[in-house]
Protein backbone atom coordinates (compact mmCIF):
# COMPACT_ATOMS: atom_id res chain seq x y z
CA MET A 1 0.00 0.00 0.00
CA ILE A 2 1.21 3.48 -0.87
CA VAL A 3 0.19 6.66 0.98
CA VAL A 4 0.98 10.06 -0.51
CA ALA A 5 0.63 13.10 1.73
CA GLY A 6 1.63 16.71 1.42
CA SER A 7 0.62 20.24 0.59
CA VAL A 8 0.45 22.65 -2.31
CA SER A 9 0.10 26.41 -2.05
CA VAL A 10 -1.12 29.14 -4.38
CA PRO A 11 -1.86 32.82 -3.80
CA ALA A 12 -4.83 33.08 -1.43
CA GLU A 13 -6.96 34.84 -4.04
CA ASN A 14 -6.78 31.66 -6.17
CA SER A 15 -8.10 29.37 -3.43
CA GLU A 16 -11.59 28.97 -4.89
CA ALA A 17 -10.24 28.08 -8.35
CA LEU A 18 -7.81 25.56 -6.88
CA MET A 19 -10.57 24.01 -4.77
CA SER A 20 -12.59 23.49 -7.95
CA ALA A 21 -9.64 21.85 -9.72
CA ALA A 22 -8.97 19.74 -6.60
CA ALA A 23 -12.57 18.48 -6.56
CA ASP A 24 -12.25 17.44 -10.21
CA VAL A 25 -8.94 15.59 -9.79
CA SER A 26 -10.11 13.92 -6.58
CA ALA A 27 -13.35 12.63 -8.11
CA ALA A 28 -11.58 11.33 -11.22
CA SER A 29 -8.71 9.74 -9.29
CA ARG A 30 -11.13 7.87 -7.02
CA THR A 31 -12.40 6.00 -10.09
CA LEU A 32 -8.95 4.65 -11.01
CA ASP A 33 -8.06 1.01 -10.43
CA GLY A 34 -6.05 0.65 -7.27
CA ASN A 35 -7.20 3.88 -5.62
CA ILE A 36 -8.39 3.46 -2.05
CA ASP A 37 -8.84 7.14 -1.15
CA TYR A 38 -7.97 10.54 -2.58
CA CYS A 39 -8.70 13.85 -0.93
CA ILE A 40 -7.57 17.44 -1.09
CA SER A 41 -8.74 20.02 1.43
CA MET A 42 -8.00 23.66 2.14
CA GLN A 43 -5.96 24.08 5.32
CA SER A 44 -6.00 27.86 5.12
CA PRO A 45 -6.49 30.35 2.25
CA GLY A 46 -4.05 29.32 -0.45
CA VAL A 47 -2.75 26.21 1.36
CA PHE A 48 -4.11 22.79 0.48
CA ARG A 49 -3.35 19.41 2.03
CA PHE A 50 -3.60 16.22 0.02
CA LEU A 51 -3.81 12.56 0.97
CA GLU A 52 -3.87 9.65 -1.46
CA ILE A 53 -3.99 5.94 -0.71
CA TRP A 54 -3.15 3.40 -3.42
CA ASP A 55 -3.06 -0.40 -3.51
CA THR A 56 0.28 -0.43 -5.35
CA GLU A 57 3.04 1.80 -6.63
CA GLU A 58 1.93 0.95 -10.20
CA ALA A 59 -1.59 2.20 -9.50
CA MET A 60 -0.21 5.44 -8.07
CA MET A 61 2.09 5.94 -11.05
CA ALA A 62 -0.72 5.26 -13.55
CA GLN A 63 -2.60 8.33 -12.35
CA PHE A 64 0.25 10.54 -13.57
CA ALA A 65 -0.55 9.53 -17.15
CA ALA A 66 -4.29 10.17 -16.74
CA PRO A 67 -5.67 13.25 -18.55
CA HIS A 68 -7.37 14.58 -15.42
CA PHE A 69 -4.05 14.65 -13.56
CA GLY A 70 -2.39 16.62 -16.35
CA ALA A 71 -5.29 19.08 -16.25
CA PHE A 72 -4.83 19.48 -12.48
CA GLN A 73 -1.09 20.09 -12.85
CA ALA A 74 -1.77 22.73 -15.50
CA ALA A 75 -4.36 24.41 -13.26
CA VAL A 76 -1.99 24.52 -10.28
CA SER A 77 0.69 26.06 -12.47
CA GLU A 78 -1.69 28.64 -13.97
CA LEU A 79 -2.93 29.56 -10.50
CA GLY A 80 0.61 30.48 -9.43
CA MET A 81 1.86 27.53 -7.41
CA ALA A 82 3.98 29.03 -4.66
CA GLY A 83 5.15 25.75 -3.20
CA MET A 84 4.61 22.04 -2.95
CA ASP A 85 5.76 19.38 -0.54
CA GLY A 86 4.79 15.75 -1.00
CA LYS A 87 5.95 12.50 0.52
CA LYS A 88 5.32 8.88 -0.47
CA TYR A 89 5.02 6.26 2.27
CA GLU A 90 5.16 2.50 1.70
CA ILE A 91 2.90 0.78 4.21
CA SER A 92 3.56 -2.85 5.11
CA SER A 93 0.61 -3.44 7.44
CA VAL A 94 -2.68 -1.81 8.40
CA GLY A 95 -4.85 -2.40 11.44
CA PRO A 96 -7.51 -0.70 13.54
CA LEU A 97 -6.53 2.43 15.41
CA PHE A 98 -8.12 1.21 18.63
CA GLY A 99 -8.47 -2.39 19.57
């Protein structure tokens, strides 16, 4: 299992436009084979956190070739991306939080 987590930032005045692009890429990515979860949320104006969970590295990599992901990357660039930090985690086991 692969977990991707991080943040992307744009000028605060572009928050609404980025939220729209984030909703589109999230919805489309959730339909891909191997996707377990995909979410992007606004942490503060202009700062967005993302979390993706994939069955395999191959499934995660396949999204990069998907048209909707290219459209999202173009939108982030056009909206003036000020920064991005992302990390990939390889998970070997999963269990309940409590119990």
